[in-house]
C-alpha atoms as a PDB file:
ATOM      1  CA  GLN A   1      -0.003   0.003   0.009  1.00  0.00           C
ATOM      2  CA  VAL A   2       1.333   3.387  -1.065  1.00  0.00           C
ATOM      3  CA  GLN A   3       0.477   6.484   0.906  1.00  0.00           C
ATOM      4  CA  VAL A   4       1.246  10.124   0.179  1.00  0.00           C
ATOM      5  CA  VAL A   5       0.008  12.524   2.830  1.00  0.00           C
ATOM      6  CA  GLU A   6       0.324  16.308   2.817  1.00  0.00           C
ATOM      7  CA  SER A   7       0.092  18.526   5.862  1.00  0.00           C
ATOM      8  CA  GLY A   8       0.774  22.091   6.867  1.00  0.00           C
ATOM      9  CA  GLY A   9      -1.760  24.031   4.888  1.00  0.00           C
ATOM     10  CA  GLY A  10      -3.912  26.739   6.375  1.00  0.00           C
ATOM     11  CA  LEU A  11      -4.831  30.413   6.409  1.00  0.00           C
ATOM     12  CA  VAL A  12      -2.043  32.963   6.364  1.00  0.00           C
ATOM     13  CA  GLN A  13      -1.818  36.701   5.802  1.00  0.00           C
ATOM     14  CA  PRO A  14      -0.061  38.179   2.778  1.00  0.00           C
ATOM     15  CA  GLY A  15       3.660  38.262   3.405  1.00  0.00           C
ATOM     16  CA  GLY A  16       3.490  35.339   5.807  1.00  0.00           C
ATOM     17  CA  SER A  17       5.015  31.892   5.618  1.00  0.00           C
ATOM     18  CA  LEU A  18       3.950  28.260   5.690  1.00  0.00           C
ATOM     19  CA  ARG A  19       5.799  24.982   5.443  1.00  0.00           C
ATOM     20  CA  LEU A  20       4.074  22.071   3.771  1.00  0.00           C
ATOM     21  CA  SER A  21       5.129  18.509   4.434  1.00  0.00           C
ATOM     22  CA  CYS A  22       4.612  15.394   2.335  1.00  0.00           C
ATOM     23  CA  THR A  23       5.206  12.094   4.057  1.00  0.00           C
ATOM     24  CA  THR A  24       5.231   8.887   2.036  1.00  0.00           C
ATOM     25  CA  SER A  25       5.187   5.198   2.763  1.00  0.00           C
ATOM     26  CA  GLY A  26       5.234   2.059   0.648  1.00  0.00           C
ATOM     27  CA  ILE A  27       7.721   3.350  -1.921  1.00  0.00           C
ATOM     28  CA  ILE A  28      11.459   3.460  -2.309  1.00  0.00           C
ATOM     29  CA  PHE A  29      11.384   7.170  -1.515  1.00  0.00           C
ATOM     30  CA  GLY A  30      14.946   7.946  -2.577  1.00  0.00           C
ATOM     31  CA  ALA A  31      14.281   6.718  -6.096  1.00  0.00           C
ATOM     32  CA  TYR A  32      11.367   9.082  -6.768  1.00  0.00           C
ATOM     33  CA  ARG A  33      11.223  12.622  -8.012  1.00  0.00           C
ATOM     34  CA  MET A  34       9.097  14.582  -5.596  1.00  0.00           C
ATOM     35  CA  GLY A  35       6.966  17.476  -6.663  1.00  0.00           C
ATOM     36  CA  TRP A  36       4.511  20.042  -5.454  1.00  0.00           C
ATOM     37  CA  TYR A  37       1.636  21.150  -7.671  1.00  0.00           C
ATOM     38  CA  ARG A  38      -1.232  23.495  -7.025  1.00  0.00           C
ATOM     39  CA  GLN A  39      -4.688  24.187  -8.369  1.00  0.00           C
ATOM     40  CA  ALA A  40      -6.471  27.468  -7.842  1.00  0.00           C
ATOM     41  CA  PRO A  41     -10.215  27.920  -8.358  1.00  0.00           C
ATOM     42  CA  GLY A  42     -11.059  27.995 -12.050  1.00  0.00           C
ATOM     43  CA  LYS A  43      -7.529  27.132 -13.133  1.00  0.00           C
ATOM     44  CA  GLN A  44      -5.661  24.020 -14.190  1.00  0.00           C
ATOM     45  CA  ARG A  45      -3.289  22.258 -11.918  1.00  0.00           C
ATOM     46  CA  GLU A  46       0.212  23.639 -12.317  1.00  0.00           C
ATOM     47  CA  LEU A  47       3.697  22.610 -11.339  1.00  0.00           C
ATOM     48  CA  VAL A  48       5.156  24.538  -8.420  1.00  0.00           C
ATOM     49  CA  ALA A  49       8.450  22.820  -7.754  1.00  0.00           C
ATOM     50  CA  THR A  50      10.241  19.508  -8.096  1.00  0.00           C
ATOM     51  CA  ILE A  51      13.254  17.883  -6.541  1.00  0.00           C
ATOM     52  CA  ASP A  52      14.797  14.802  -8.067  1.00  0.00           C
ATOM     53  CA  SER A  53      16.443  11.814  -6.430  1.00  0.00           C
ATOM     54  CA  VAL A  54      19.824  13.526  -6.122  1.00  0.00           C
ATOM     55  CA  GLY A  55      18.544  16.891  -4.978  1.00  0.00           C
ATOM     56  CA  SER A  56      18.280  18.917  -8.165  1.00  0.00           C
ATOM     57  CA  THR A  57      15.387  21.365  -8.068  1.00  0.00           C
ATOM     58  CA  ASN A  58      13.264  23.393 -10.387  1.00  0.00           C
ATOM     59  CA  TYR A  59      10.562  25.988  -9.780  1.00  0.00           C
ATOM     60  CA  THR A  60       7.901  27.771 -11.666  1.00  0.00           C
ATOM     61  CA  GLY A  61       8.790  31.397 -12.218  1.00  0.00           C
ATOM     62  CA  ALA A  62       5.944  32.650 -10.045  1.00  0.00           C
ATOM     63  CA  VAL A  63       7.531  31.211  -6.895  1.00  0.00           C
ATOM     64  CA  LYS A  64      11.262  31.490  -7.547  1.00  0.00           C
ATOM     65  CA  GLY A  65      12.989  33.264  -4.717  1.00  0.00           C
ATOM     66  CA  ARG A  66      10.042  32.743  -2.378  1.00  0.00           C
ATOM     67  CA  PHE A  67       9.513  28.958  -2.180  1.00  0.00           C
ATOM     68  CA  THR A  68      12.050  26.227  -1.416  1.00  0.00           C
ATOM     69  CA  ILE A  69      11.522  22.528  -2.029  1.00  0.00           C
ATOM     70  CA  SER A  70      13.560  20.037  -0.064  1.00  0.00           C
ATOM     71  CA  ARG A  71      13.591  16.410   0.914  1.00  0.00           C
ATOM     72  CA  ASP A  72      14.741  14.243   3.789  1.00  0.00           C
ATOM     73  CA  ASN A  73      15.233  10.727   2.488  1.00  0.00           C
ATOM     74  CA  ALA A  74      15.724   9.324   5.972  1.00  0.00           C
ATOM     75  CA  LYS A  75      12.198  10.507   6.862  1.00  0.00           C
ATOM     76  CA  ASN A  76      10.602   9.704   3.478  1.00  0.00           C
ATOM     77  CA  THR A  77       9.389  13.302   3.484  1.00  0.00           C
ATOM     78  CA  ALA A  78       9.414  16.246   1.119  1.00  0.00           C
ATOM     79  CA  TYR A  79       8.825  19.835   2.118  1.00  0.00           C
ATOM     80  CA  LEU A  80       7.768  23.090   0.548  1.00  0.00           C
ATOM     81  CA  GLN A  81       8.797  26.183   2.479  1.00  0.00           C
ATOM     82  CA  MET A  82       6.676  29.095   1.298  1.00  0.00           C
ATOM     83  CA  ASN A  83       7.703  32.646   2.202  1.00  0.00           C
ATOM     84  CA  SER A  84       6.401  36.057   1.218  1.00  0.00           C
ATOM     85  CA  LEU A  85       3.053  34.550   0.372  1.00  0.00           C
ATOM     86  CA  LYS A  86       0.698  36.373  -1.956  1.00  0.00           C
ATOM     87  CA  PRO A  87      -3.075  36.064  -2.403  1.00  0.00           C
ATOM     88  CA  GLU A  88      -2.432  34.544  -5.824  1.00  0.00           C
ATOM     89  CA  ASP A  89      -0.704  31.620  -4.085  1.00  0.00           C
ATOM     90  CA  THR A  90      -4.084  30.538  -2.774  1.00  0.00           C
ATOM     91  CA  ALA A  91      -4.739  27.026  -4.025  1.00  0.00           C
ATOM     92  CA  ILE A  92      -4.954  23.395  -3.124  1.00  0.00           C
ATOM     93  CA  TYR A  93      -1.411  22.075  -2.989  1.00  0.00           C
ATOM     94  CA  TYR A  94      -0.713  18.492  -4.019  1.00  0.00           C
ATOM     95  CA  CYS A  95       2.321  16.312  -3.450  1.00  0.00           C
ATOM     96  CA  ASN A  96       3.503  13.929  -6.172  1.00  0.00           C
ATOM     97  CA  ALA A  97       5.965  11.079  -6.194  1.00  0.00           C
ATOM     98  CA  ASP A  98       7.038  10.117  -9.688  1.00  0.00           C
ATOM     99  CA  ARG A  99       9.367   7.547 -11.173  1.00  0.00           C
ATOM    100  CA  PHE A 100      10.059   5.887 -14.511  1.00  0.00           C
ATOM    101  CA  ARG A 101      11.527   2.404 -14.434  1.00  0.00           C
ATOM    102  CA  GLY A 102      11.742  -0.214 -17.150  1.00  0.00           C
ATOM    103  CA  GLY A 103       9.546   1.813 -19.486  1.00  0.00           C
ATOM    104  CA  SER A 104       6.766   2.131 -16.925  1.00  0.00           C
ATOM    105  CA  ARG A 105       5.646   5.138 -14.904  1.00  0.00           C
ATOM    106  CA  PHE A 106       4.992   4.918 -11.204  1.00  0.00           C
ATOM    107  CA  ALA A 107       3.222   8.002  -9.933  1.00  0.00           C
ATOM    108  CA  TYR A 108       1.396   8.679  -6.688  1.00  0.00           C
ATOM    109  CA  TRP A 109      -0.546  11.696  -5.495  1.00  0.00           C
ATOM    110  CA  GLY A 110      -1.639  12.973  -2.135  1.00  0.00           C
ATOM    111  CA  GLN A 111      -5.093  14.255  -1.329  1.00  0.00           C
ATOM    112  CA  GLY A 112      -4.092  17.922  -1.277  1.00  0.00           C
ATOM    113  CA  THR A 113      -3.914  20.566   1.402  1.00  0.00           C
ATOM    114  CA  GLN A 114      -5.568  23.975   1.205  1.00  0.00           C
ATOM    115  CA  VAL A 115      -3.443  27.101   1.369  1.00  0.00           C
ATOM    116  CA  THR A 116      -5.327  30.384   1.661  1.00  0.00           C
ATOM    117  CA  VAL A 117      -3.525  33.706   1.643  1.00  0.00           C
ATOM    118  CA  SER A 118      -5.798  36.516   2.725  1.00  0.00           C
ATOM    119  CA  SER A 119      -5.936  39.463   5.065  1.00  0.00           C
END
């Protein structure tokens, strides 16, 4: 059984910070690329940030300089540190674990956690 569980969402004022956590079980965590995605009302789900199995990261331009993705392989957990939050960051944030092996894709998603940025 594979589990991907996000936590850390909530309501925060503009300019504030939140740290999201994504804890996994049932996978070889260190072999997966971990990612954070978000979906705002009326919009498609978009990539926020990824971190691969050796620690290389990428970010969407809207969050560069404000968000930091990281991972702790010993804890099977990925994180998204979000600083200087803006109202346009409001969305449901989803954690993804993704891997290609032997021509097959292995991908798992969490249930999402709501982030609301409002005064």
